[in-house]
């Protein structure tokens, strides 16, 4: 069992907390503050334990000079100060003499936030490749390291594995909550149903391979369903196709045909715009250029039939193009059914959590993960480098 925040004495220590403030920002304003809000418990605990708190996070990808301005953590610092109701000292550098001086002069209960850790990627991807010199420098700023960024726990970066391997460490409350929720899937109450959506099969190969033996059924919708349908000979019109993974889908459908549940009808249109006319069509009757953009009513009832007796459901990826109301119906109806029937439901991060929030169901499910790739890799049975480096109790 990994050490948690409460296993450490934080009093008068410089405590580096790696958070996940990778939030969507448009025109300088934060659109969804979920990940910031989820980090507050660990930060507040550290402040209450009289720590000197140093916050670190990435934001977006930094590949060129223009990315520096649009991916600054300045808006995060402002919102974080409002949420915590205390001043946040934002240092718009990832390393500098000023930064060291400010940290050395910190008092108990003070907070500083460093600039986006991926600013270090502009020169040789030092953050993303876990550069040892950078990791050494960041570790020198603190006495204790807490990893509370579940969304990057599957990465080996300087700001998580690099610092964590050099300081006494623990996981934060958010990571602890994520692991407790996901670990239930190691011994789920049955029937255990997996729902997979989203666009690409390639994103879910590890999950499918790992869970097809463990789950009682795997329900597949969204864009990725069309690659499976194509693999078994169906006409899919102009729907999205992950052509590189048709053979994988054929293999799965051959070996586990009784476990995989696919759509039987879809809502189709000629393009992905809101104004384009749509209609319900059987999956094999899609016309040449038609796109399947949501599951149809017969498919909704089919999926519900397999969910009727479910005790545990894990769901990754929406069942349609939920961003447009007319293609969110499948996702909404299945979410509604699971909640109304009190079925233990874990949403596996990414777009399904965004969809559930937009549709008003996020706070009604058993657990909505803040991870995207991290949740997928956990469900796929992969080792998580950011977790591996944390000390055992």
Protein backbone atom coordinates (compact mmCIF):
# COMPACT_ATOMS: atom_id res chain seq x y z
CA UNK A 1 0.00 0.00 0.00
CA UNK A 2 1.37 3.39 -1.00
CA UNK A 3 2.07 6.15 1.50
CA UNK A 4 -0.59 8.83 1.58
CA UNK A 5 -0.48 12.50 2.57
CA UNK A 6 -1.52 11.71 6.14
CA UNK A 7 1.47 9.40 6.61
CA UNK A 8 3.89 12.34 6.45
CA UNK A 9 4.79 15.11 8.90
CA UNK A 10 4.44 18.27 6.80
CA UNK A 11 4.95 20.88 9.54
CA UNK A 12 7.40 23.62 8.53
CA UNK A 13 8.44 21.58 5.47
CA UNK A 14 8.63 22.76 1.88
CA UNK A 15 6.04 20.42 0.32
CA UNK A 16 5.93 20.08 -3.46
CA UNK A 17 2.46 19.02 -4.61
CA UNK A 18 2.24 17.89 -8.23
CA UNK A 19 -1.32 18.78 -9.21
CA UNK A 20 -3.22 18.35 -12.45
CA UNK A 21 -4.29 21.85 -13.48
CA UNK A 22 -4.47 20.85 -17.14
CA UNK A 23 -7.84 22.54 -17.66
CA UNK A 24 -9.47 23.87 -20.83
CA UNK A 25 -8.89 27.60 -21.28
CA UNK A 26 -10.51 29.81 -23.92
CA UNK A 27 -9.71 33.49 -24.36
CA UNK A 28 -7.85 33.44 -21.04
CA UNK A 29 -10.82 32.02 -19.11
CA UNK A 30 -11.08 28.56 -17.57
CA UNK A 31 -14.02 26.66 -19.08
CA UNK A 32 -14.04 23.66 -16.73
CA UNK A 33 -12.45 23.94 -13.27
CA UNK A 34 -13.10 20.31 -12.22
CA UNK A 35 -9.44 19.31 -11.93
CA UNK A 36 -8.59 22.42 -9.90
CA UNK A 37 -11.48 21.84 -7.51
CA UNK A 38 -10.49 18.16 -7.12
CA UNK A 39 -7.00 19.21 -5.99
CA UNK A 40 -8.19 21.44 -3.15
CA UNK A 41 -8.45 18.77 -0.42
CA UNK A 42 -4.75 17.92 -0.56
CA UNK A 43 -3.70 21.58 -0.72
CA UNK A 44 -5.95 22.50 2.21
CA UNK A 45 -4.68 19.58 4.27
CA UNK A 46 -1.05 20.61 3.66
CA UNK A 47 -1.86 24.20 4.67
CA UNK A 48 -3.62 22.97 7.80
CA UNK A 49 -0.57 20.85 8.62
CA UNK A 50 1.56 24.04 8.57
CA UNK A 51 3.41 23.21 5.36
CA UNK A 52 5.06 25.64 2.96
CA UNK A 53 3.22 24.63 -0.20
CA UNK A 54 4.83 24.60 -3.65
CA UNK A 55 2.41 23.72 -6.45
CA UNK A 56 3.42 22.37 -9.84
CA UNK A 57 1.40 21.38 -12.91
CA UNK A 58 1.54 21.15 -16.68
CA UNK A 59 -0.98 22.75 -19.03
CA UNK A 60 -1.39 21.60 -22.61
CA UNK A 61 1.55 20.83 -24.87
CA UNK A 62 4.45 23.19 -25.46
CA UNK A 63 6.12 22.68 -28.83
CA UNK A 64 6.90 26.23 -29.97
CA UNK A 65 7.36 29.74 -28.61
CA UNK A 66 3.73 30.67 -29.32
CA UNK A 67 2.57 27.96 -26.90
CA UNK A 68 4.15 29.74 -23.94
CA UNK A 69 1.62 32.56 -23.82
CA UNK A 70 -1.52 30.49 -24.40
CA UNK A 71 -0.46 27.77 -21.93
CA UNK A 72 0.55 29.93 -18.99
CA UNK A 73 -0.84 28.95 -15.58
CA UNK A 74 -1.73 32.60 -14.81
CA UNK A 75 -5.52 32.00 -15.02
CA UNK A 76 -5.13 28.95 -12.76
CA UNK A 77 -3.30 31.02 -10.14
CA UNK A 78 -6.12 33.58 -10.11
CA UNK A 79 -8.91 31.00 -9.79
CA UNK A 80 -6.98 28.97 -7.22
CA UNK A 81 -6.60 32.08 -5.04
CA UNK A 82 -10.35 32.67 -5.25
CA UNK A 83 -11.19 29.06 -4.38
CA UNK A 84 -8.76 28.91 -1.44
CA UNK A 85 -9.55 32.47 -0.34
CA UNK A 86 -5.92 33.25 0.17
CA UNK A 87 -3.13 34.78 -1.92
CA UNK A 88 -1.23 32.57 -4.36
CA UNK A 89 2.24 33.74 -5.22
CA UNK A 90 2.63 32.89 -8.90
CA UNK A 91 6.20 32.63 -10.21
CA UNK A 92 6.13 32.83 -14.01
CA UNK A 93 9.27 30.73 -14.30
CA UNK A 94 10.03 27.03 -13.98
CA UNK A 95 13.47 27.79 -12.56
CA UNK A 96 15.33 30.96 -11.66
CA UNK A 97 17.27 32.56 -8.84
CA UNK A 98 14.15 34.54 -7.93
CA UNK A 99 12.22 31.29 -7.58
CA UNK A 100 14.81 29.83 -5.20
CA UNK A 101 14.89 33.02 -3.17
CA UNK A 102 11.08 33.16 -2.84
CA UNK A 103 10.97 29.52 -1.74
CA UNK A 104 13.74 29.96 0.81
CA UNK A 105 11.83 32.85 2.38
CA UNK A 106 8.46 31.07 2.55
CA UNK A 107 6.51 30.95 5.80
CA UNK A 108 4.20 28.20 7.03
CA UNK A 109 0.83 28.34 5.31
CA UNK A 110 2.10 30.17 2.23
CA UNK A 111 1.54 28.91 -1.32
CA UNK A 112 3.50 29.46 -4.48
CA UNK A 113 2.64 28.15 -7.93
CA UNK A 114 5.37 27.60 -10.52
CA UNK A 115 4.79 28.19 -14.21
CA UNK A 116 3.71 25.34 -16.50
CA UNK A 117 6.22 22.49 -16.12
CA UNK A 118 6.03 21.81 -19.86
CA UNK A 119 7.65 25.16 -20.59
CA UNK A 120 10.77 23.04 -20.08
CA UNK A 121 9.79 21.00 -23.16
CA UNK A 122 10.62 23.91 -25.43
CA UNK A 123 14.31 23.12 -25.05
CA UNK A 124 14.83 19.40 -25.56
CA UNK A 125 11.60 18.12 -23.91
CA UNK A 126 13.28 18.15 -20.51
CA UNK A 127 10.02 17.72 -18.58
CA UNK A 128 8.52 14.99 -20.78
CA UNK A 129 11.75 12.96 -20.93
CA UNK A 130 12.39 13.16 -17.18
CA UNK A 131 15.65 15.05 -17.62
CA UNK A 132 17.81 14.23 -14.58
CA UNK A 133 19.27 17.73 -14.21
CA UNK A 134 15.80 19.31 -14.23
CA UNK A 135 14.44 16.71 -11.81
CA UNK A 136 17.38 17.32 -9.49
CA UNK A 137 16.77 21.07 -9.58
CA UNK A 138 13.05 20.80 -8.84
CA UNK A 139 13.65 18.26 -6.06
CA UNK A 140 16.14 20.70 -4.46
CA UNK A 141 13.26 23.15 -3.92
CA UNK A 142 11.38 20.91 -1.49
CA UNK A 143 11.64 18.53 1.45
CA UNK A 144 8.63 16.33 0.60
CA UNK A 145 6.85 15.40 -2.63
CA UNK A 146 3.14 14.61 -2.95
CA UNK A 147 1.78 13.35 -6.26
CA UNK A 148 -1.86 14.36 -6.61
CA UNK A 149 -1.94 14.46 -10.42
CA UNK A 150 -3.73 11.28 -11.41
CA UNK A 151 -4.07 12.52 -14.98
CA UNK A 152 -0.31 12.25 -15.55
CA UNK A 153 0.49 9.32 -13.26
CA UNK A 154 1.00 7.11 -16.33
CA UNK A 155 3.83 9.37 -17.55
CA UNK A 156 7.47 9.33 -16.50
CA UNK A 157 8.12 13.07 -16.30
CA UNK A 158 10.61 15.16 -14.36
CA UNK A 159 7.81 16.72 -12.28
CA UNK A 160 6.46 13.41 -11.02
CA UNK A 161 8.86 10.46 -11.34
CA UNK A 162 11.92 12.73 -11.36
CA UNK A 163 11.08 14.58 -8.14
CA UNK A 164 9.38 11.60 -6.53
CA UNK A 165 12.47 9.42 -6.84
CA UNK A 166 14.56 12.03 -5.02
CA UNK A 167 12.38 13.02 -2.04
CA UNK A 168 10.28 11.40 0.71
CA UNK A 169 6.92 11.04 -0.99
CA UNK A 170 3.25 10.09 -0.90
CA UNK A 171 0.11 10.20 -3.00
CA UNK A 172 -2.44 12.96 -2.44
CA UNK A 173 -6.13 12.58 -1.60
CA UNK A 174 -7.25 12.78 -5.23
CA UNK A 175 -4.92 10.00 -6.39
CA UNK A 176 -5.91 7.95 -3.34
CA UNK A 177 -9.61 8.39 -4.21
CA UNK A 178 -8.99 7.42 -7.85
CA UNK A 179 -7.06 4.28 -6.91
CA UNK A 180 -9.66 3.21 -4.34
CA UNK A 181 -12.45 3.56 -6.91
CA UNK A 182 -10.60 1.84 -9.74
CA UNK A 183 -9.27 -0.95 -7.52
CA UNK A 184 -12.87 -2.13 -7.03
CA UNK A 185 -12.68 -3.33 -10.61
CA UNK A 186 -10.05 -5.89 -9.64
CA UNK A 187 -12.82 -7.85 -7.84
CA UNK A 188 -16.06 -6.35 -9.17
CA UNK A 189 -19.52 -7.37 -8.09
CA UNK A 190 -21.07 -9.25 -11.00
CA UNK A 191 -22.49 -9.05 -13.57
CA UNK A 192 -19.64 -6.74 -14.57
CA UNK A 193 -20.26 -4.77 -17.78
CA UNK A 194 -17.77 -2.60 -19.66
CA UNK A 195 -19.06 0.17 -21.97
CA UNK A 196 -16.58 1.52 -24.53
CA UNK A 197 -17.15 4.45 -26.87
CA UNK A 198 -15.16 7.24 -28.42
CA UNK A 199 -13.72 7.32 -31.89
CA UNK A 200 -10.65 5.09 -32.18
CA UNK A 201 -10.14 1.41 -31.46
CA UNK A 202 -6.40 2.07 -31.10
CA UNK A 203 -7.01 4.06 -27.91
CA UNK A 204 -8.77 1.11 -26.29
CA UNK A 205 -6.79 -1.95 -27.44
CA UNK A 206 -5.08 -2.41 -24.07
CA UNK A 207 -8.38 -2.08 -22.22
CA UNK A 208 -10.16 -4.53 -24.50
CA UNK A 209 -7.38 -7.11 -24.21
CA UNK A 210 -7.29 -6.81 -20.43
CA UNK A 211 -11.01 -6.65 -19.72
CA UNK A 212 -12.47 -9.02 -22.29
CA UNK A 213 -11.51 -11.95 -20.04
CA UNK A 214 -12.66 -10.22 -16.85
CA UNK A 215 -15.93 -8.60 -17.90
CA UNK A 216 -19.18 -10.46 -18.44
CA UNK A 217 -20.02 -8.30 -21.46
CA UNK A 218 -18.36 -5.46 -23.37
CA UNK A 219 -20.79 -2.99 -24.94
CA UNK A 220 -19.26 -0.98 -27.78
CA UNK A 221 -20.68 2.25 -29.19
CA UNK A 222 -19.41 5.55 -30.50
CA UNK A 223 -17.19 5.84 -33.54
CA UNK A 224 -15.11 2.82 -32.59
CA UNK A 225 -18.14 0.52 -33.09
CA UNK A 226 -17.92 1.00 -36.85
CA UNK A 227 -14.48 -0.60 -37.06
CA UNK A 228 -15.90 -3.69 -35.32
CA UNK A 229 -18.93 -3.66 -37.63
CA UNK A 230 -16.69 -3.35 -40.68
CA UNK A 231 -14.56 -6.23 -39.40
CA UNK A 232 -17.57 -8.57 -39.44
CA UNK A 233 -18.68 -7.52 -42.90
CA UNK A 234 -21.15 -4.70 -42.33
CA UNK A 235 -21.44 -1.67 -44.60
CA UNK A 236 -20.62 1.41 -42.51
CA UNK A 237 -21.14 4.13 -45.13
CA UNK A 238 -18.83 7.08 -44.49
CA UNK A 239 -18.60 6.46 -40.72
CA UNK A 240 -15.31 6.75 -38.91
CA UNK A 241 -13.01 3.78 -39.48
CA UNK A 242 -9.80 2.82 -37.68
CA UNK A 243 -8.54 0.81 -40.66
CA UNK A 244 -5.24 -0.20 -39.04
CA UNK A 245 -7.12 -2.19 -36.39
CA UNK A 246 -9.67 -4.11 -38.46
CA UNK A 247 -7.69 -7.34 -37.98
CA UNK A 248 -7.64 -6.81 -34.21
CA UNK A 249 -11.42 -6.35 -34.23
CA UNK A 250 -11.87 -9.50 -36.35
CA UNK A 251 -9.80 -11.48 -33.89
CA UNK A 252 -11.77 -10.21 -30.88
CA UNK A 253 -15.12 -10.81 -32.58
CA UNK A 254 -14.10 -14.34 -33.57
CA UNK A 255 -12.78 -15.30 -30.15
CA UNK A 256 -15.28 -13.45 -27.95
CA UNK A 257 -18.37 -12.97 -30.15
CA UNK A 258 -20.70 -13.83 -27.26
CA UNK A 259 -19.15 -11.14 -25.06
CA UNK A 260 -19.12 -8.19 -27.48
CA UNK A 261 -22.37 -6.23 -27.97
CA UNK A 262 -22.51 -3.88 -30.98
CA UNK A 263 -25.11 -1.34 -32.19
CA UNK A 264 -27.94 -2.52 -34.42
CA UNK A 265 -29.17 0.93 -35.49
CA UNK A 266 -27.72 4.44 -35.56
CA UNK A 267 -28.67 8.05 -36.06
CA UNK A 268 -27.06 9.05 -39.36
CA UNK A 269 -26.37 12.27 -41.26
CA UNK A 270 -24.28 13.41 -44.21
CA UNK A 271 -22.00 15.59 -42.08
CA UNK A 272 -21.24 16.50 -38.47
CA UNK A 273 -23.00 19.88 -38.42
CA UNK A 274 -25.97 20.78 -36.26
CA UNK A 275 -28.10 21.78 -39.25
CA UNK A 276 -27.63 18.57 -41.24
CA UNK A 277 -30.82 16.42 -41.42
CA UNK A 278 -30.52 13.06 -39.65
CA UNK A 279 -32.51 9.83 -39.53
CA UNK A 280 -32.48 6.43 -37.85
CA UNK A 281 -31.10 3.60 -39.94
CA UNK A 282 -30.08 -0.03 -39.41
CA UNK A 283 -26.31 -0.34 -39.19
CA UNK A 284 -26.10 -2.27 -42.46
CA UNK A 285 -28.26 0.22 -44.38
CA UNK A 286 -26.02 3.27 -44.15
CA UNK A 287 -25.73 4.96 -47.52
CA UNK A 288 -22.34 5.59 -49.13
CA UNK A 289 -21.53 8.97 -47.54
CA UNK A 290 -23.66 8.74 -44.41
CA UNK A 291 -22.03 8.97 -40.99
CA UNK A 292 -23.30 7.16 -37.93
CA UNK A 293 -23.22 9.83 -35.19
CA UNK A 294 -25.16 8.25 -32.33
CA UNK A 295 -26.69 4.93 -31.39
CA UNK A 296 -30.35 4.49 -32.35
CA UNK A 297 -33.41 3.66 -30.19
CA UNK A 298 -33.24 -0.10 -30.82
CA UNK A 299 -29.59 -0.10 -29.78
CA UNK A 300 -30.41 1.85 -26.62
CA UNK A 301 -32.93 -0.85 -25.69
CA UNK A 302 -30.46 -3.60 -26.60
CA UNK A 303 -27.77 -2.09 -24.38
CA UNK A 304 -30.26 -1.63 -21.54
CA UNK A 305 -31.21 -5.32 -21.83
CA UNK A 306 -27.61 -6.25 -21.04
CA UNK A 307 -27.41 -3.69 -18.23
CA UNK A 308 -30.64 -4.79 -16.48
CA UNK A 309 -28.95 -7.06 -13.96
CA UNK A 310 -25.54 -5.34 -13.91
CA UNK A 311 -23.94 -4.76 -10.53
CA UNK A 312 -20.78 -2.98 -11.76
CA UNK A 313 -20.26 -0.87 -14.88
CA UNK A 314 -17.08 0.83 -16.05
CA UNK A 315 -17.54 3.22 -18.96
CA UNK A 316 -14.97 4.94 -21.16
CA UNK A 317 -15.92 7.07 -24.16
CA UNK A 318 -19.32 8.51 -25.22
CA UNK A 319 -21.71 6.55 -27.43
CA UNK A 320 -22.24 9.37 -29.91
CA UNK A 321 -21.11 12.88 -30.85
CA UNK A 322 -22.49 14.26 -27.59
CA UNK A 323 -21.30 17.81 -28.31
CA UNK A 324 -24.42 18.26 -30.48
CA UNK A 325 -27.73 17.70 -28.62
CA UNK A 326 -29.26 15.50 -31.32
CA UNK A 327 -26.37 13.04 -31.03
CA UNK A 328 -26.15 12.96 -27.22
CA UNK A 329 -29.34 10.92 -26.73
CA UNK A 330 -27.70 7.48 -26.60
CA UNK A 331 -25.13 8.55 -24.02
CA UNK A 332 -27.77 10.39 -21.98
CA UNK A 333 -30.29 7.52 -21.98
CA UNK A 334 -27.74 4.96 -20.83
CA UNK A 335 -26.40 7.29 -18.11
CA UNK A 336 -29.95 7.94 -16.94
CA UNK A 337 -30.72 4.22 -16.80
CA UNK A 338 -27.61 3.40 -14.75
CA UNK A 339 -28.31 6.16 -12.24
CA UNK A 340 -32.04 5.47 -11.90
CA UNK A 341 -31.28 1.80 -11.21
CA UNK A 342 -28.49 2.53 -8.69
CA UNK A 343 -25.90 0.54 -10.62
CA UNK A 344 -22.32 1.03 -9.44
CA UNK A 345 -20.91 3.12 -12.31
CA UNK A 346 -17.33 4.25 -12.78
CA UNK A 347 -16.66 6.70 -15.60
CA UNK A 348 -13.15 6.23 -16.93
CA UNK A 349 -12.07 9.81 -17.48
CA UNK A 350 -11.81 11.86 -20.66
CA UNK A 351 -14.80 12.56 -22.90
CA UNK A 352 -17.35 10.43 -21.05
CA UNK A 353 -16.80 12.55 -17.92
CA UNK A 354 -17.12 15.73 -20.00
CA UNK A 355 -20.31 14.34 -21.55
CA UNK A 356 -21.75 13.35 -18.17
CA UNK A 357 -21.05 16.82 -16.80
CA UNK A 358 -22.66 18.52 -19.80
CA UNK A 359 -25.70 16.27 -19.51
CA UNK A 360 -26.00 16.80 -15.74
CA UNK A 361 -25.08 13.30 -14.53
CA UNK A 362 -21.43 13.59 -13.44
CA UNK A 363 -22.18 14.04 -9.73
CA UNK A 364 -24.72 11.21 -9.72
CA UNK A 365 -22.45 8.32 -10.75
CA UNK A 366 -20.35 6.34 -8.28
CA UNK A 367 -17.06 7.77 -9.52
CA UNK A 368 -15.99 10.04 -12.38
CA UNK A 369 -12.25 9.72 -12.93
CA UNK A 370 -10.10 12.79 -13.58
CA UNK A 371 -7.73 10.66 -15.63
CA UNK A 372 -7.93 10.06 -19.35
CA UNK A 373 -4.93 8.12 -20.55
CA UNK A 374 -4.05 7.24 -16.94
CA UNK A 375 -7.40 5.54 -16.39
CA UNK A 376 -7.15 3.68 -19.69
CA UNK A 377 -3.67 2.42 -18.85
CA UNK A 378 -4.79 1.35 -15.36
CA UNK A 379 -7.75 -0.52 -16.87
CA UNK A 380 -5.39 -1.97 -19.45
CA UNK A 381 -3.28 -3.48 -16.66
CA UNK A 382 -0.23 -1.34 -17.34
CA UNK A 383 2.23 -0.16 -14.71
CA UNK A 384 1.90 3.53 -13.80
CA UNK A 385 5.39 5.08 -13.45
CA UNK A 386 4.20 8.00 -11.33
CA UNK A 387 2.67 5.55 -8.86
CA UNK A 388 5.50 3.02 -8.92
CA UNK A 389 7.97 5.61 -7.59
CA UNK A 390 5.84 6.34 -4.48
CA UNK A 391 7.10 4.66 -1.32
CA UNK A 392 5.18 1.84 0.31
CA UNK A 393 3.85 2.28 3.86
